[in-house]
Amino acid sequence: LFEQRRGFHDQIEAALQVATPDPTAIGRLVIADHGVGEQIRTEHSKFQTRFEALLSPDQLANFKAQRENGACSGPGKRFH
């Protein structure tokens, strides 16, 4: 999914670099990219649920506290 998203970003960038960008083509690419982004968010949410189910109550509380304090986030946008 990340490779698909990167491909859409590259295509959007290329479409914007031409002398006369085609708004319809760019719009289609943006909509397709958005759909892949939604798929990524859905898969991340499923993973998060499965991961949290593996933790003990203490581990889960600790993990949630760290996530709320930003300790589990790195650079870039996060999906939780």
PDB file of N, CA and C in Angstrom:
ATOM      1  N   LEU A   1       0.826  -1.200   0.000  1.00  0.00           N
ATOM      2  CA  LEU A   1       0.000   0.000   0.000  1.00  0.00           C
ATOM      3  C   LEU A   1       0.866   1.259   0.000  1.00  0.00           C
ATOM      4  N   PHE A   2       1.966   1.215   0.764  1.00  0.00           N
ATOM      5  CA  PHE A   2       2.834   2.386   0.804  1.00  0.00           C
ATOM      6  C   PHE A   2       3.481   2.635  -0.561  1.00  0.00           C
ATOM      7  N   GLU A   3       3.816   1.552  -1.256  1.00  0.00           N
ATOM      8  CA  GLU A   3       4.390   1.708  -2.594  1.00  0.00           C
ATOM      9  C   GLU A   3       3.365   2.290  -3.559  1.00  0.00           C
ATOM     10  N   GLN A   4       2.109   1.853  -3.444  1.00  0.00           N
ATOM     11  CA  GLN A   4       1.049   2.419  -4.279  1.00  0.00           C
ATOM     12  C   GLN A   4       0.908   3.911  -3.996  1.00  0.00           C
ATOM     13  N   ARG A   5       0.936   4.252  -2.727  1.00  0.00           N
ATOM     14  CA  ARG A   5       0.772   5.657  -2.341  1.00  0.00           C
ATOM     15  C   ARG A   5       1.928   6.489  -2.878  1.00  0.00           C
ATOM     16  N   ARG A   6       3.136   5.972  -2.755  1.00  0.00           N
ATOM     17  CA  ARG A   6       4.311   6.680  -3.279  1.00  0.00           C
ATOM     18  C   ARG A   6       4.164   6.872  -4.789  1.00  0.00           C
ATOM     19  N   GLY A   7       3.657   5.838  -5.472  1.00  0.00           N
ATOM     20  CA  GLY A   7       3.441   5.939  -6.914  1.00  0.00           C
ATOM     21  C   GLY A   7       2.446   7.031  -7.264  1.00  0.00           C
ATOM     22  N   PHE A   8       1.356   7.121  -6.509  1.00  0.00           N
ATOM     23  CA  PHE A   8       0.381   8.184  -6.757  1.00  0.00           C
ATOM     24  C   PHE A   8       0.996   9.556  -6.511  1.00  0.00           C
ATOM     25  N   HIS A   9       1.777   9.685  -5.456  1.00  0.00           N
ATOM     26  CA  HIS A   9       2.416  10.974  -5.168  1.00  0.00           C
ATOM     27  C   HIS A   9       3.351  11.368  -6.311  1.00  0.00           C
ATOM     28  N   ASP A  10       4.102  10.404  -6.820  1.00  0.00           N
ATOM     29  CA  ASP A  10       5.003  10.676  -7.945  1.00  0.00           C
ATOM     30  C   ASP A  10       4.208  11.091  -9.186  1.00  0.00           C
ATOM     31  N   GLN A  11       3.101  10.392  -9.442  1.00  0.00           N
ATOM     32  CA  GLN A  11       2.272  10.726 -10.604  1.00  0.00           C
ATOM     33  C   GLN A  11       1.643  12.107 -10.460  1.00  0.00           C
ATOM     34  N   ILE A  12       1.185  12.435  -9.262  1.00  0.00           N
ATOM     35  CA  ILE A  12       0.588  13.751  -9.025  1.00  0.00           C
ATOM     36  C   ILE A  12       1.636  14.832  -9.245  1.00  0.00           C
ATOM     37  N   GLU A  13       2.817  14.635  -8.685  1.00  0.00           N
ATOM     38  CA  GLU A  13       3.902  15.605  -8.853  1.00  0.00           C
ATOM     39  C   GLU A  13       4.235  15.795 -10.329  1.00  0.00           C
ATOM     40  N   ALA A  14       4.340  14.700 -11.078  1.00  0.00           N
ATOM     41  CA  ALA A  14       4.646  14.784 -12.510  1.00  0.00           C
ATOM     42  C   ALA A  14       3.527  15.500 -13.263  1.00  0.00           C
ATOM     43  N   ALA A  15       2.282  15.209 -12.912  1.00  0.00           N
ATOM     44  CA  ALA A  15       1.144  15.840 -13.584  1.00  0.00           C
ATOM     45  C   ALA A  15       1.094  17.337 -13.319  1.00  0.00           C
ATOM     46  N   LEU A  16       1.592  17.758 -12.172  1.00  0.00           N
ATOM     47  CA  LEU A  16       1.601  19.186 -11.840  1.00  0.00           C
ATOM     48  C   LEU A  16       2.757  19.931 -12.500  1.00  0.00           C
ATOM     49  N   GLN A  17       3.756  19.205 -12.977  1.00  0.00           N
ATOM     50  CA  GLN A  17       4.942  19.838 -13.561  1.00  0.00           C
ATOM     51  C   GLN A  17       4.782  20.194 -15.041  1.00  0.00           C
ATOM     52  N   VAL A  18       3.750  19.682 -15.698  1.00  0.00           N
ATOM     53  CA  VAL A  18       3.571  19.970 -17.125  1.00  0.00           C
ATOM     54  C   VAL A  18       3.104  21.408 -17.313  1.00  0.00           C
ATOM     55  N   ALA A  19       3.250  21.902 -18.537  1.00  0.00           N
ATOM     56  CA  ALA A  19       2.897  23.292 -18.831  1.00  0.00           C
ATOM     57  C   ALA A  19       1.434  23.592 -18.522  1.00  0.00           C
ATOM     58  N   THR A  20       0.547  22.671 -18.872  1.00  0.00           N
ATOM     59  CA  THR A  20      -0.881  22.863 -18.613  1.00  0.00           C
ATOM     60  C   THR A  20      -1.402  21.631 -17.882  1.00  0.00           C
ATOM     61  N   PRO A  21      -1.375  21.648 -16.555  1.00  0.00           N
ATOM     62  CA  PRO A  21      -1.852  20.485 -15.793  1.00  0.00           C
ATOM     63  C   PRO A  21      -3.329  20.198 -16.067  1.00  0.00           C
ATOM     64  N   ASP A  22      -3.663  18.928 -16.156  1.00  0.00           N
ATOM     65  CA  ASP A  22      -5.043  18.500 -16.389  1.00  0.00           C
ATOM     66  C   ASP A  22      -5.722  18.295 -15.037  1.00  0.00           C
ATOM     67  N   PRO A  23      -6.627  19.215 -14.658  1.00  0.00           N
ATOM     68  CA  PRO A  23      -7.261  19.109 -13.341  1.00  0.00           C
ATOM     69  C   PRO A  23      -8.037  17.808 -13.141  1.00  0.00           C
ATOM     70  N   THR A  24      -8.655  17.299 -14.195  1.00  0.00           N
ATOM     71  CA  THR A  24      -9.420  16.060 -14.072  1.00  0.00           C
ATOM     72  C   THR A  24      -8.496  14.883 -13.780  1.00  0.00           C
ATOM     73  N   ALA A  25      -7.407  14.799 -14.499  1.00  0.00           N
ATOM     74  CA  ALA A  25      -6.455  13.706 -14.274  1.00  0.00           C
ATOM     75  C   ALA A  25      -5.847  13.802 -12.883  1.00  0.00           C
ATOM     76  N   ILE A  26      -5.493  15.010 -12.480  1.00  0.00           N
ATOM     77  CA  ILE A  26      -4.916  15.202 -11.147  1.00  0.00           C
ATOM     78  C   ILE A  26      -5.945  14.846 -10.080  1.00  0.00           C
ATOM     79  N   GLY A  27      -7.176  15.257 -10.284  1.00  0.00           N
ATOM     80  CA  GLY A  27      -8.240  14.931  -9.337  1.00  0.00           C
ATOM     81  C   GLY A  27      -8.431  13.430  -9.185  1.00  0.00           C
ATOM     82  N   ARG A  28      -8.387  12.719 -10.295  1.00  0.00           N
ATOM     83  CA  ARG A  28      -8.517  11.252 -10.235  1.00  0.00           C
ATOM     84  C   ARG A  28      -7.374  10.635  -9.436  1.00  0.00           C
ATOM     85  N   LEU A  29      -6.163  11.145  -9.660  1.00  0.00           N
ATOM     86  CA  LEU A  29      -5.008  10.637  -8.918  1.00  0.00           C
ATOM     87  C   LEU A  29      -5.135  10.928  -7.426  1.00  0.00           C
ATOM     88  N   VAL A  30      -5.598  12.126  -7.099  1.00  0.00           N
ATOM     89  CA  VAL A  30      -5.759  12.496  -5.688  1.00  0.00           C
ATOM     90  C   VAL A  30      -6.814  11.610  -5.025  1.00  0.00           C
ATOM     91  N   ILE A  31      -7.907  11.364  -5.721  1.00  0.00           N
ATOM     92  CA  ILE A  31      -8.961  10.502  -5.170  1.00  0.00           C
ATOM     93  C   ILE A  31      -8.441   9.076  -4.983  1.00  0.00           C
ATOM     94  N   ALA A  32      -7.704   8.569  -5.957  1.00  0.00           N
ATOM     95  CA  ALA A  32      -7.131   7.222  -5.829  1.00  0.00           C
ATOM     96  C   ALA A  32      -6.145   7.170  -4.667  1.00  0.00           C
ATOM     97  N   ASP A  33      -5.317   8.203  -4.533  1.00  0.00           N
ATOM     98  CA  ASP A  33      -4.362   8.276  -3.428  1.00  0.00           C
ATOM     99  C   ASP A  33      -5.090   8.305  -2.088  1.00  0.00           C
ATOM    100  N   HIS A  34      -6.165   9.039  -2.031  1.00  0.00           N
ATOM    101  CA  HIS A  34      -6.954   9.111  -0.796  1.00  0.00           C
ATOM    102  C   HIS A  34      -7.494   7.726  -0.428  1.00  0.00           C
ATOM    103  N   GLY A  35      -7.959   6.988  -1.428  1.00  0.00           N
ATOM    104  CA  GLY A  35      -8.465   5.636  -1.176  1.00  0.00           C
ATOM    105  C   GLY A  35      -7.400   4.723  -0.593  1.00  0.00           C
ATOM    106  N   VAL A  36      -6.188   4.823  -1.105  1.00  0.00           N
ATOM    107  CA  VAL A  36      -5.089   4.017  -0.567  1.00  0.00           C
ATOM    108  C   VAL A  36      -4.777   4.464   0.861  1.00  0.00           C
ATOM    109  N   GLY A  37      -4.825   5.773   1.105  1.00  0.00           N
ATOM    110  CA  GLY A  37      -4.611   6.276   2.464  1.00  0.00           C
ATOM    111  C   GLY A  37      -5.635   5.719   3.438  1.00  0.00           C
ATOM    112  N   GLU A  38      -6.877   5.618   2.995  1.00  0.00           N
ATOM    113  CA  GLU A  38      -7.928   5.038   3.839  1.00  0.00           C
ATOM    114  C   GLU A  38      -7.656   3.559   4.107  1.00  0.00           C
ATOM    115  N   GLN A  39      -7.181   2.848   3.103  1.00  0.00           N
ATOM    116  CA  GLN A  39      -6.832   1.435   3.297  1.00  0.00           C
ATOM    117  C   GLN A  39      -5.708   1.300   4.321  1.00  0.00           C
ATOM    118  N   ILE A  40      -4.728   2.179   4.244  1.00  0.00           N
ATOM    119  CA  ILE A  40      -3.619   2.150   5.202  1.00  0.00           C
ATOM    120  C   ILE A  40      -4.144   2.399   6.608  1.00  0.00           C
ATOM    121  N   ARG A  41      -5.007   3.402   6.769  1.00  0.00           N
ATOM    122  CA  ARG A  41      -5.574   3.694   8.092  1.00  0.00           C
ATOM    123  C   ARG A  41      -6.365   2.503   8.630  1.00  0.00           C
ATOM    124  N   THR A  42      -7.140   1.847   7.772  1.00  0.00           N
ATOM    125  CA  THR A  42      -7.919   0.680   8.192  1.00  0.00           C
ATOM    126  C   THR A  42      -7.003  -0.451   8.644  1.00  0.00           C
ATOM    127  N   GLU A  43      -5.980  -0.737   7.864  1.00  0.00           N
ATOM    128  CA  GLU A  43      -5.047  -1.811   8.222  1.00  0.00           C
ATOM    129  C   GLU A  43      -4.282  -1.475   9.501  1.00  0.00           C
ATOM    130  N   HIS A  44      -3.913  -0.223   9.663  1.00  0.00           N
ATOM    131  CA  HIS A  44      -3.202   0.183  10.881  1.00  0.00           C
ATOM    132  C   HIS A  44      -4.104   0.003  12.096  1.00  0.00           C
ATOM    133  N   SER A  45      -5.362   0.364  11.955  1.00  0.00           N
ATOM    134  CA  SER A  45      -6.307   0.206  13.057  1.00  0.00           C
ATOM    135  C   SER A  45      -6.479  -1.268  13.425  1.00  0.00           C
ATOM    136  N   LYS A  46      -6.584  -2.134  12.412  1.00  0.00           N
ATOM    137  CA  LYS A  46      -6.691  -3.574  12.675  1.00  0.00           C
ATOM    138  C   LYS A  46      -5.450  -4.080  13.403  1.00  0.00           C
ATOM    139  N   PHE A  47      -4.278  -3.654  12.932  1.00  0.00           N
ATOM    140  CA  PHE A  47      -3.036  -4.066  13.576  1.00  0.00           C
ATOM    141  C   PHE A  47      -3.009  -3.603  15.024  1.00  0.00           C
ATOM    142  N   GLN A  48      -3.388  -2.347  15.238  1.00  0.00           N
ATOM    143  CA  GLN A  48      -3.375  -1.782  16.593  1.00  0.00           C
ATOM    144  C   GLN A  48      -4.252  -2.620  17.525  1.00  0.00           C
ATOM    145  N   THR A  49      -5.429  -2.990  17.063  1.00  0.00           N
ATOM    146  CA  THR A  49      -6.347  -3.795  17.865  1.00  0.00           C
ATOM    147  C   THR A  49      -5.747  -5.162  18.179  1.00  0.00           C
ATOM    148  N   ARG A  50      -5.184  -5.815  17.170  1.00  0.00           N
ATOM    149  CA  ARG A  50      -4.571  -7.136  17.391  1.00  0.00           C
ATOM    150  C   ARG A  50      -3.358  -7.042  18.313  1.00  0.00           C
ATOM    151  N   PHE A  51      -2.551  -6.006  18.136  1.00  0.00           N
ATOM    152  CA  PHE A  51      -1.370  -5.831  18.980  1.00  0.00           C
ATOM    153  C   PHE A  51      -1.773  -5.617  20.433  1.00  0.00           C
ATOM    154  N   GLU A  52      -2.732  -4.734  20.657  1.00  0.00           N
ATOM    155  CA  GLU A  52      -3.164  -4.447  22.025  1.00  0.00           C
ATOM    156  C   GLU A  52      -3.769  -5.673  22.695  1.00  0.00           C
ATOM    157  N   ALA A  53      -4.389  -6.566  21.918  1.00  0.00           N
ATOM    158  CA  ALA A  53      -4.970  -7.788  22.479  1.00  0.00           C
ATOM    159  C   ALA A  53      -3.895  -8.731  23.015  1.00  0.00           C
ATOM    160  N   LEU A  54      -2.674  -8.595  22.544  1.00  0.00           N
ATOM    161  CA  LEU A  54      -1.573  -9.442  23.005  1.00  0.00           C
ATOM    162  C   LEU A  54      -0.986  -8.983  24.339  1.00  0.00           C
ATOM    163  N   LEU A  55      -1.244  -7.750  24.715  1.00  0.00           N
ATOM    164  CA  LEU A  55      -0.616  -7.178  25.905  1.00  0.00           C
ATOM    165  C   LEU A  55      -1.374  -7.517  27.176  1.00  0.00           C
ATOM    166  N   SER A  56      -0.636  -7.610  28.267  1.00  0.00           N
ATOM    167  CA  SER A  56      -1.269  -7.774  29.581  1.00  0.00           C
ATOM    168  C   SER A  56      -1.922  -6.439  29.943  1.00  0.00           C
ATOM    169  N   PRO A  57      -2.820  -6.424  30.929  1.00  0.00           N
ATOM    170  CA  PRO A  57      -3.448  -5.160  31.323  1.00  0.00           C
ATOM    171  C   PRO A  57      -2.424  -4.077  31.694  1.00  0.00           C
ATOM    172  N   ASP A  58      -1.364  -4.452  32.408  1.00  0.00           N
ATOM    173  CA  ASP A  58      -0.333  -3.474  32.769  1.00  0.00           C
ATOM    174  C   ASP A  58       0.410  -2.968  31.534  1.00  0.00           C
ATOM    175  N   GLN A  59       0.756  -3.891  30.646  1.00  0.00           N
ATOM    176  CA  GLN A  59       1.451  -3.495  29.420  1.00  0.00           C
ATOM    177  C   GLN A  59       0.574  -2.577  28.572  1.00  0.00           C
ATOM    178  N   LEU A  60      -0.707  -2.906  28.486  1.00  0.00           N
ATOM    179  CA  LEU A  60      -1.633  -2.106  27.699  1.00  0.00           C
ATOM    180  C   LEU A  60      -1.753  -0.699  28.269  1.00  0.00           C
ATOM    181  N   ALA A  61      -1.892  -0.592  29.578  1.00  0.00           N
ATOM    182  CA  ALA A  61      -1.986   0.729  30.208  1.00  0.00           C
ATOM    183  C   ALA A  61      -0.711   1.527  29.958  1.00  0.00           C
ATOM    184  N   ASN A  62       0.431   0.873  30.079  1.00  0.00           N
ATOM    185  CA  ASN A  62       1.716   1.525  29.851  1.00  0.00           C
ATOM    186  C   ASN A  62       1.844   1.970  28.392  1.00  0.00           C
ATOM    187  N   PHE A  63       1.463   1.092  27.475  1.00  0.00           N
ATOM    188  CA  PHE A  63       1.540   1.401  26.051  1.00  0.00           C
ATOM    189  C   PHE A  63       0.646   2.591  25.699  1.00  0.00           C
ATOM    190  N   LYS A  64      -0.586   2.583  26.202  1.00  0.00           N
ATOM    191  CA  LYS A  64      -1.506   3.686  25.909  1.00  0.00           C
ATOM    192  C   LYS A  64      -0.998   4.996  26.489  1.00  0.00           C
ATOM    193  N   ALA A  65      -0.428   4.949  27.689  1.00  0.00           N
ATOM    194  CA  ALA A  65       0.119   6.163  28.300  1.00  0.00           C
ATOM    195  C   ALA A  65       1.275   6.704  27.459  1.00  0.00           C
ATOM    196  N   GLN A  66       2.142   5.822  26.997  1.00  0.00           N
ATOM    197  CA  GLN A  66       3.264   6.258  26.163  1.00  0.00           C
ATOM    198  C   GLN A  66       2.769   6.830  24.841  1.00  0.00           C
ATOM    199  N   ARG A  67       1.785   6.189  24.246  1.00  0.00           N
ATOM    200  CA  ARG A  67       1.240   6.672  22.975  1.00  0.00           C
ATOM    201  C   ARG A  67       0.615   8.050  23.144  1.00  0.00           C
ATOM    202  N   GLU A  68      -0.121   8.254  24.230  1.00  0.00           N
ATOM    203  CA  GLU A  68      -0.750   9.549  24.477  1.00  0.00           C
ATOM    204  C   GLU A  68       0.280  10.645  24.705  1.00  0.00           C
ATOM    205  N   ASN A  69       1.432  10.283  25.256  1.00  0.00           N
ATOM    206  CA  ASN A  69       2.491  11.257  25.503  1.00  0.00           C
ATOM    207  C   ASN A  69       3.406  11.445  24.299  1.00  0.00           C
ATOM    208  N   GLY A  70       3.125  10.758  23.208  1.00  0.00           N
ATOM    209  CA  GLY A  70       3.907  10.911  21.993  1.00  0.00           C
ATOM    210  C   GLY A  70       5.156  10.068  21.932  1.00  0.00           C
ATOM    211  N   ALA A  71       5.357   9.193  22.897  1.00  0.00           N
ATOM    212  CA  ALA A  71       6.574   8.374  22.917  1.00  0.00           C
ATOM    213  C   ALA A  71       6.588   7.330  21.810  1.00  0.00           C
ATOM    214  N   CYS A  72       5.436   6.986  21.263  1.00  0.00           N
ATOM    215  CA  CYS A  72       5.367   5.941  20.239  1.00  0.00           C
ATOM    216  C   CYS A  72       5.309   6.520  18.830  1.00  0.00           C
ATOM    217  N   SER A  73       5.380   7.831  18.710  1.00  0.00           N
ATOM    218  CA  SER A  73       5.288   8.413  17.374  1.00  0.00           C
ATOM    219  C   SER A  73       6.652   8.882  16.916  1.00  0.00           C
ATOM    220  N   GLY A  74       6.869   8.723  15.653  1.00  0.00           N
ATOM    221  CA  GLY A  74       8.106   9.178  15.038  1.00  0.00           C
ATOM    222  C   GLY A  74       7.788  10.313  14.084  1.00  0.00           C
ATOM    223  N   PRO A  75       8.651  10.558  13.143  1.00  0.00           N
ATOM    224  CA  PRO A  75       8.402  11.630  12.184  1.00  0.00           C
ATOM    225  C   PRO A  75       7.234  11.285  11.269  1.00  0.00           C
ATOM    226  N   GLY A  76       6.546  12.293  10.812  1.00  0.00           N
ATOM    227  CA  GLY A  76       5.458  12.088   9.868  1.00  0.00           C
ATOM    228  C   GLY A  76       4.117  11.934  10.552  1.00  0.00           C
ATOM    229  N   LYS A  77       3.100  11.857   9.719  1.00  0.00           N
ATOM    230  CA  LYS A  77       1.730  11.744  10.200  1.00  0.00           C
ATOM    231  C   LYS A  77       1.468  10.340  10.719  1.00  0.00           C
ATOM    232  N   ARG A  78       0.774  10.246  11.814  1.00  0.00           N
ATOM    233  CA  ARG A  78       0.415   8.947  12.384  1.00  0.00           C
ATOM    234  C   ARG A  78      -1.077   8.722  12.191  1.00  0.00           C
ATOM    235  N   PHE A  79      -1.471   7.469  12.219  1.00  0.00           N
ATOM    236  CA  PHE A  79      -2.842   7.099  11.877  1.00  0.00           C
ATOM    237  C   PHE A  79      -3.674   6.654  13.057  1.00  0.00           C
ATOM    238  N   HIS A  80      -3.306   6.969  14.278  1.00  0.00           N
ATOM    239  CA  HIS A  80      -4.139   6.550  15.399  1.00  0.00           C
ATOM    240  C   HIS A  80      -4.655   7.721  16.141  1.00  0.00           C
TER     241      HIS A  80
END
